[in-house]
């Protein structure tokens, strides 16, 4: 892309910004970036990275911006559409400010592989499958994708359509995170709640595999990727395998090695029947594929324990905060280079 060679051709990343660093994915990503020598500035959604006088200095000097922040999940998206609108305004303003820079950083946006594709398309769902949101959450994610795509002539963009991310540190927040809810129920000795049809399927991907994908993109030749796959580059990030709720329950039973009781409740009406992502593009483009088996991932989450919710309903960034990896990210302020 003309005017952006210094950031995209050689992919020499020295500085990164993570917005949504208080969340489950953002916290782990921030720590991995730091451990690998990337100077990383961390913001929560409310940390004030945009001010009336301009962008925070770290945004103006970053090579890459990871945008993981959100104030909604699938349930909250239905209950609080005003939050989705506020999220959109914030992201749109960030992009507008970045586009005014002579050499803007690449922006990597987390999206939802489980809610943006047309439910009439039979899985596995590829990046070229048609999209059609049937929930407010899915519509909000697609709107953010479209906002980034509108700057394709100015900002190098990457959209990561994540499947169901799980692992140590994920909290059992209302409306999201079936595995975290189930493991907490096991700890508390209460029934595991199955919402809807036990035969419904999801694509579960372990947190470390997701962060590995993001980390690989830092060192990929982004100009080559965008030339080959388009700007923004869209990548599915999942295991590529279907697992039903019934099968997930069997895995949990095996890992915890104790009898389990279940409570069946009707579907919420906003959940898809079946989700499985086609992840071949990520393998072809950056050599990435998920490597953690579901049993190993559930075992790691079980051994780590399930952190209790620490904030009111809806006050999350990304997919939910991680308590097991909480040492390095402040939840109410920016942390990083100056």
Protein backbone atom coordinates (compact mmCIF):
# COMPACT_ATOMS: atom_id res chain seq x y z
CA UNK A 1 0.00 0.00 0.00
CA UNK A 2 1.49 3.37 -0.97
CA UNK A 3 2.67 5.43 1.94
CA UNK A 4 2.71 2.53 4.42
CA UNK A 5 5.83 0.60 3.45
CA UNK A 6 7.76 1.38 6.60
CA UNK A 7 5.25 -0.46 8.78
CA UNK A 8 3.98 -3.26 6.55
CA UNK A 9 6.70 -4.43 4.18
CA UNK A 10 9.24 -5.65 6.68
CA UNK A 11 6.91 -6.23 9.66
CA UNK A 12 9.55 -5.17 12.17
CA UNK A 13 7.28 -4.70 15.16
CA UNK A 14 8.69 -2.83 18.11
CA UNK A 15 5.60 -1.32 19.67
CA UNK A 16 2.06 -2.62 20.03
CA UNK A 17 -1.10 -1.31 21.66
CA UNK A 18 -3.74 -3.62 23.13
CA UNK A 19 -7.16 -2.03 23.63
CA UNK A 20 -9.26 -4.34 25.78
CA UNK A 21 -6.24 -5.45 27.79
CA UNK A 22 -8.33 -6.09 30.91
CA UNK A 23 -10.20 -8.89 29.17
CA UNK A 24 -9.61 -12.61 29.00
CA UNK A 25 -7.83 -12.55 25.62
CA UNK A 26 -6.31 -9.10 25.97
CA UNK A 27 -4.63 -9.87 29.25
CA UNK A 28 -2.94 -13.01 27.95
CA UNK A 29 -1.95 -11.33 24.68
CA UNK A 30 -0.40 -8.39 26.53
CA UNK A 31 1.74 -10.67 28.66
CA UNK A 32 2.93 -12.71 25.69
CA UNK A 33 3.88 -9.56 23.78
CA UNK A 34 5.92 -8.30 26.70
CA UNK A 35 7.64 -11.64 27.25
CA UNK A 36 8.72 -11.65 23.61
CA UNK A 37 10.24 -8.18 23.75
CA UNK A 38 7.44 -6.10 22.24
CA UNK A 39 7.01 -2.73 23.92
CA UNK A 40 3.31 -2.93 24.74
CA UNK A 41 0.86 -0.29 25.88
CA UNK A 42 -2.33 -1.63 27.45
CA UNK A 43 -5.72 0.08 27.63
CA UNK A 44 -9.13 -0.91 28.83
CA UNK A 45 -12.11 0.34 26.88
CA UNK A 46 -12.58 3.23 29.30
CA UNK A 47 -8.94 4.20 29.77
CA UNK A 48 -9.01 7.35 27.66
CA UNK A 49 -6.84 6.49 24.66
CA UNK A 50 -8.69 9.22 22.73
CA UNK A 51 -8.92 12.76 24.08
CA UNK A 52 -10.21 16.04 22.64
CA UNK A 53 -6.66 16.98 21.73
CA UNK A 54 -5.83 13.74 19.95
CA UNK A 55 -4.67 10.16 20.31
CA UNK A 56 -2.50 8.91 23.13
CA UNK A 57 1.20 9.09 22.23
CA UNK A 58 1.58 5.31 22.19
CA UNK A 59 -1.11 5.03 19.51
CA UNK A 60 0.69 7.57 17.38
CA UNK A 61 3.94 5.62 17.57
CA UNK A 62 2.67 2.02 17.54
CA UNK A 63 3.29 -0.48 14.77
CA UNK A 64 0.18 -2.53 15.52
CA UNK A 65 -3.08 -1.90 17.41
CA UNK A 66 -5.03 -4.91 18.70
CA UNK A 67 -8.66 -3.90 19.20
CA UNK A 68 -10.31 -6.46 21.50
CA UNK A 69 -12.58 -4.20 23.57
CA UNK A 70 -16.33 -4.60 23.85
CA UNK A 71 -19.02 -3.72 26.35
CA UNK A 72 -21.39 -6.46 25.17
CA UNK A 73 -21.62 -10.21 24.78
CA UNK A 74 -24.42 -12.09 22.95
CA UNK A 75 -26.89 -11.70 25.82
CA UNK A 76 -26.04 -8.08 26.63
CA UNK A 77 -26.22 -7.18 22.95
CA UNK A 78 -29.92 -8.01 23.00
CA UNK A 79 -30.58 -6.22 26.28
CA UNK A 80 -28.47 -3.11 25.72
CA UNK A 81 -28.29 -2.01 22.07
CA UNK A 82 -27.10 1.41 23.22
CA UNK A 83 -23.84 -0.19 24.36
CA UNK A 84 -23.20 -1.57 20.90
CA UNK A 85 -23.77 1.89 19.44
CA UNK A 86 -21.32 3.40 21.93
CA UNK A 87 -18.73 0.73 21.09
CA UNK A 88 -19.13 1.53 17.40
CA UNK A 89 -18.69 5.25 17.91
CA UNK A 90 -15.50 4.67 19.89
CA UNK A 91 -13.97 2.38 17.26
CA UNK A 92 -15.02 4.67 14.41
CA UNK A 93 -13.41 7.66 16.10
CA UNK A 94 -10.19 5.71 16.67
CA UNK A 95 -10.03 4.78 12.99
CA UNK A 96 -10.79 8.34 11.92
CA UNK A 97 -7.91 9.64 14.02
CA UNK A 98 -5.51 6.92 12.88
CA UNK A 99 -6.35 7.55 9.22
CA UNK A 100 -5.16 11.15 9.60
CA UNK A 101 -1.64 9.95 10.36
CA UNK A 102 0.88 9.82 7.51
CA UNK A 103 1.83 6.23 8.40
CA UNK A 104 -0.94 4.62 10.49
CA UNK A 105 -0.38 1.35 12.35
CA UNK A 106 -2.01 -1.90 11.36
CA UNK A 107 -5.28 -2.56 13.19
CA UNK A 108 -6.21 -6.11 14.22
CA UNK A 109 -9.89 -6.35 15.14
CA UNK A 110 -11.37 -9.29 17.03
CA UNK A 111 -14.74 -10.37 15.65
CA UNK A 112 -17.08 -13.32 16.11
CA UNK A 113 -16.92 -16.40 13.94
CA UNK A 114 -19.95 -17.80 15.73
CA UNK A 115 -22.37 -14.95 15.00
CA UNK A 116 -21.48 -13.14 11.76
CA UNK A 117 -21.99 -15.91 9.20
CA UNK A 118 -25.30 -16.72 7.53
CA UNK A 119 -26.92 -19.54 9.57
CA UNK A 120 -28.28 -21.03 6.34
CA UNK A 121 -24.72 -21.85 5.24
CA UNK A 122 -23.71 -25.35 6.22
CA UNK A 123 -20.52 -25.60 8.31
CA UNK A 124 -17.59 -25.47 8.03
CA UNK A 125 -17.80 -21.72 7.54
CA UNK A 126 -15.01 -20.11 5.54
CA UNK A 127 -14.00 -16.48 5.29
CA UNK A 128 -15.81 -16.23 1.95
CA UNK A 129 -19.06 -17.69 3.29
CA UNK A 130 -21.92 -15.21 3.22
CA UNK A 131 -22.52 -13.18 6.35
CA UNK A 132 -25.89 -12.49 7.97
CA UNK A 133 -26.25 -11.56 11.59
CA UNK A 134 -29.32 -12.88 13.39
CA UNK A 135 -28.51 -11.29 16.74
CA UNK A 136 -27.67 -7.79 17.92
CA UNK A 137 -24.22 -9.01 18.93
CA UNK A 138 -23.49 -10.41 15.48
CA UNK A 139 -24.79 -7.24 13.84
CA UNK A 140 -22.52 -5.14 16.06
CA UNK A 141 -19.48 -7.24 15.13
CA UNK A 142 -20.25 -6.98 11.42
CA UNK A 143 -20.66 -3.22 11.73
CA UNK A 144 -17.18 -2.95 13.25
CA UNK A 145 -15.76 -5.07 10.45
CA UNK A 146 -17.39 -2.80 7.87
CA UNK A 147 -16.00 0.27 9.62
CA UNK A 148 -12.46 -1.09 9.35
CA UNK A 149 -13.02 -2.12 5.72
CA UNK A 150 -14.04 1.45 4.90
CA UNK A 151 -10.43 2.50 5.61
CA UNK A 152 -8.86 -0.14 3.38
CA UNK A 153 -7.10 2.52 1.35
CA UNK A 154 -5.46 4.02 4.42
CA UNK A 155 -5.15 1.58 7.33
CA UNK A 156 -3.74 -1.96 7.05
CA UNK A 157 -6.47 -4.09 8.62
CA UNK A 158 -6.84 -7.64 9.88
CA UNK A 159 -10.13 -9.10 11.12
CA UNK A 160 -9.95 -12.19 13.32
CA UNK A 161 -13.24 -14.07 13.47
CA UNK A 162 -12.85 -16.04 16.68
CA UNK A 163 -14.82 -19.14 17.56
CA UNK A 164 -15.58 -20.06 21.20
CA UNK A 165 -12.41 -19.16 23.09
CA UNK A 166 -11.86 -20.88 26.45
CA UNK A 167 -9.10 -21.62 28.92
CA UNK A 168 -7.55 -20.72 32.27
CA UNK A 169 -8.65 -17.36 33.60
CA UNK A 170 -11.95 -17.13 31.74
CA UNK A 171 -14.71 -15.94 34.02
CA UNK A 172 -18.27 -17.21 34.07
CA UNK A 173 -19.91 -13.97 32.98
CA UNK A 174 -23.64 -13.76 32.32
CA UNK A 175 -24.50 -14.77 28.79
CA UNK A 176 -21.16 -16.21 27.73
CA UNK A 177 -18.58 -18.90 28.43
CA UNK A 178 -20.32 -22.27 28.80
CA UNK A 179 -17.17 -24.08 29.91
CA UNK A 180 -16.33 -21.48 32.57
CA UNK A 181 -19.89 -21.72 33.88
CA UNK A 182 -19.73 -25.51 33.98
CA UNK A 183 -16.38 -25.66 35.75
CA UNK A 184 -17.56 -23.17 38.33
CA UNK A 185 -20.68 -25.29 38.86
CA UNK A 186 -18.47 -28.35 39.43
CA UNK A 187 -16.44 -26.42 42.02
CA UNK A 188 -19.62 -25.30 43.76
CA UNK A 189 -21.35 -28.70 43.56
CA UNK A 190 -24.31 -27.37 41.58
CA UNK A 191 -25.90 -28.77 38.40
CA UNK A 192 -24.35 -27.90 35.05
CA UNK A 193 -26.86 -25.95 32.97
CA UNK A 194 -27.38 -27.05 29.36
CA UNK A 195 -29.11 -24.34 27.37
CA UNK A 196 -31.06 -25.64 24.37
CA UNK A 197 -30.36 -28.79 22.40
CA UNK A 198 -27.48 -30.93 23.76
CA UNK A 199 -26.77 -31.87 20.12
CA UNK A 200 -26.00 -28.27 19.16
CA UNK A 201 -22.34 -27.82 18.26
CA UNK A 202 -19.64 -25.22 18.70
CA UNK A 203 -16.01 -24.79 17.70
CA UNK A 204 -13.95 -24.49 20.90
CA UNK A 205 -10.45 -23.00 20.64
CA UNK A 206 -7.93 -22.71 23.48
CA UNK A 207 -6.72 -19.28 24.60
CA UNK A 208 -3.02 -19.99 24.00
CA UNK A 209 -3.74 -21.02 20.42
CA UNK A 210 -5.66 -17.79 19.79
CA UNK A 211 -2.82 -15.67 21.18
CA UNK A 212 -0.33 -17.67 19.12
CA UNK A 213 -2.26 -16.69 15.98
CA UNK A 214 -2.18 -13.02 16.94
CA UNK A 215 1.51 -13.23 17.77
CA UNK A 216 2.34 -14.84 14.43
CA UNK A 217 0.62 -11.99 12.61
CA UNK A 218 3.06 -9.55 14.19
CA UNK A 219 5.94 -11.14 12.33
CA UNK A 220 4.19 -11.98 9.08
CA UNK A 221 4.81 -9.87 5.98
CA UNK A 222 1.59 -7.91 6.20
CA UNK A 223 1.95 -6.15 2.86
CA UNK A 224 2.26 -9.58 1.21
CA UNK A 225 -0.71 -10.92 3.17
CA UNK A 226 -2.92 -7.97 2.26
CA UNK A 227 -1.91 -8.19 -1.38
CA UNK A 228 -2.74 -11.89 -1.47
CA UNK A 229 -5.92 -11.94 0.59
CA UNK A 230 -7.23 -8.38 0.52
CA UNK A 231 -7.38 -5.47 2.93
CA UNK A 232 -8.69 -6.04 5.48
CA UNK A 233 -7.42 -9.59 5.73
CA UNK A 234 -10.10 -11.82 7.28
CA UNK A 235 -9.03 -14.94 9.17
CA UNK A 236 -11.10 -17.52 10.98
CA UNK A 237 -9.52 -18.53 14.29
CA UNK A 238 -10.90 -21.78 15.66
CA UNK A 239 -10.13 -25.44 16.10
CA UNK A 240 -11.94 -26.43 12.92
CA UNK A 241 -13.76 -29.16 14.87
CA UNK A 242 -17.38 -29.48 15.96
CA UNK A 243 -18.18 -30.40 19.55
CA UNK A 244 -21.72 -30.82 20.82
CA UNK A 245 -22.79 -29.78 24.29
CA UNK A 246 -23.26 -33.45 25.08
CA UNK A 247 -19.70 -34.23 23.95
CA UNK A 248 -18.35 -31.27 25.93
CA UNK A 249 -20.13 -32.60 28.99
CA UNK A 250 -18.41 -35.95 28.49
CA UNK A 251 -15.02 -34.22 28.32
CA UNK A 252 -15.73 -32.29 31.52
CA UNK A 253 -16.87 -35.47 33.27
CA UNK A 254 -13.66 -37.22 32.26
CA UNK A 255 -11.43 -34.33 33.37
CA UNK A 256 -13.01 -33.70 36.77
CA UNK A 257 -13.49 -37.42 37.42
CA UNK A 258 -16.67 -37.13 39.44
CA UNK A 259 -20.42 -37.62 38.91
CA UNK A 260 -22.16 -34.61 37.38
CA UNK A 261 -25.75 -33.41 37.54
CA UNK A 262 -27.29 -31.43 34.69
CA UNK A 263 -30.11 -28.93 34.39
CA UNK A 264 -31.73 -28.51 30.97
CA UNK A 265 -33.25 -25.15 30.07
CA UNK A 266 -34.82 -23.91 26.81
CA UNK A 267 -32.78 -22.23 24.11
CA UNK A 268 -32.33 -18.47 24.41
CA UNK A 269 -33.36 -17.99 20.80
CA UNK A 270 -30.19 -16.09 19.91
CA UNK A 271 -27.82 -19.06 19.72
CA UNK A 272 -26.88 -20.78 16.46
CA UNK A 273 -27.57 -24.50 16.16
CA UNK A 274 -24.19 -25.40 14.71
CA UNK A 275 -20.88 -23.56 14.36
CA UNK A 276 -17.64 -24.88 12.91
CA UNK A 277 -15.03 -22.69 11.26
CA UNK A 278 -12.92 -23.52 8.24
CA UNK A 279 -9.43 -22.50 9.36
CA UNK A 280 -7.45 -23.45 6.26
CA UNK A 281 -6.76 -19.84 5.30
CA UNK A 282 -4.89 -19.17 8.56
CA UNK A 283 -2.78 -22.25 7.94
CA UNK A 284 -2.02 -21.20 4.37
CA UNK A 285 -1.43 -17.53 5.15
CA UNK A 286 0.63 -17.66 8.36
CA UNK A 287 1.20 -21.34 9.09
CA UNK A 288 -1.16 -21.31 12.08
CA UNK A 289 -3.46 -24.00 13.39
CA UNK A 290 -4.86 -24.76 16.82
CA UNK A 291 -2.76 -27.40 18.57
CA UNK A 292 -4.41 -27.88 21.96
CA UNK A 293 -6.88 -30.74 22.22
CA UNK A 294 -10.19 -30.05 23.92
CA UNK A 295 -9.41 -32.51 26.71
CA UNK A 296 -6.02 -30.92 27.41
CA UNK A 297 -7.51 -27.43 27.34
CA UNK A 298 -10.36 -28.31 29.68
CA UNK A 299 -7.90 -30.02 32.03
CA UNK A 300 -5.74 -26.87 32.13
CA UNK A 301 -8.78 -24.70 32.85
CA UNK A 302 -9.95 -27.07 35.60
CA UNK A 303 -6.55 -27.15 37.29
CA UNK A 304 -6.30 -23.35 37.17
CA UNK A 305 -9.67 -22.91 38.86
CA UNK A 306 -12.46 -20.57 37.80
CA UNK A 307 -12.20 -16.95 38.97
CA UNK A 308 -15.35 -15.41 40.39
CA UNK A 309 -16.95 -12.41 38.68
CA UNK A 310 -15.47 -9.18 40.00
CA UNK A 311 -17.61 -6.57 38.33
CA UNK A 312 -21.27 -5.90 37.56
CA UNK A 313 -23.08 -7.47 34.65
CA UNK A 314 -21.82 -6.06 31.40
CA UNK A 315 -18.66 -4.39 32.65
CA UNK A 316 -16.18 -6.44 30.64
CA UNK A 317 -13.59 -5.85 27.95
CA UNK A 318 -13.04 -8.50 25.32
CA UNK A 319 -14.52 -11.85 26.29
CA UNK A 320 -14.24 -11.57 30.07
CA UNK A 321 -11.43 -10.79 32.49
CA UNK A 322 -8.75 -13.25 33.50
CA UNK A 323 -7.90 -13.47 37.18
CA UNK A 324 -5.27 -16.16 36.82
CA UNK A 325 -3.15 -13.83 34.71
CA UNK A 326 -3.87 -10.50 36.36
CA UNK A 327 -0.51 -9.23 37.54
CA UNK A 328 0.53 -6.97 34.69
CA UNK A 329 -2.52 -5.10 33.38
CA UNK A 330 -4.22 -2.28 35.22
CA UNK A 331 -7.99 -2.32 34.79
CA UNK A 332 -8.65 1.39 34.90
CA UNK A 333 -5.66 3.05 33.30
CA UNK A 334 -3.26 2.74 30.41
CA UNK A 335 0.04 0.96 30.88
CA UNK A 336 2.93 1.07 28.42
CA UNK A 337 5.46 3.14 26.53
CA UNK A 338 5.43 6.93 26.68
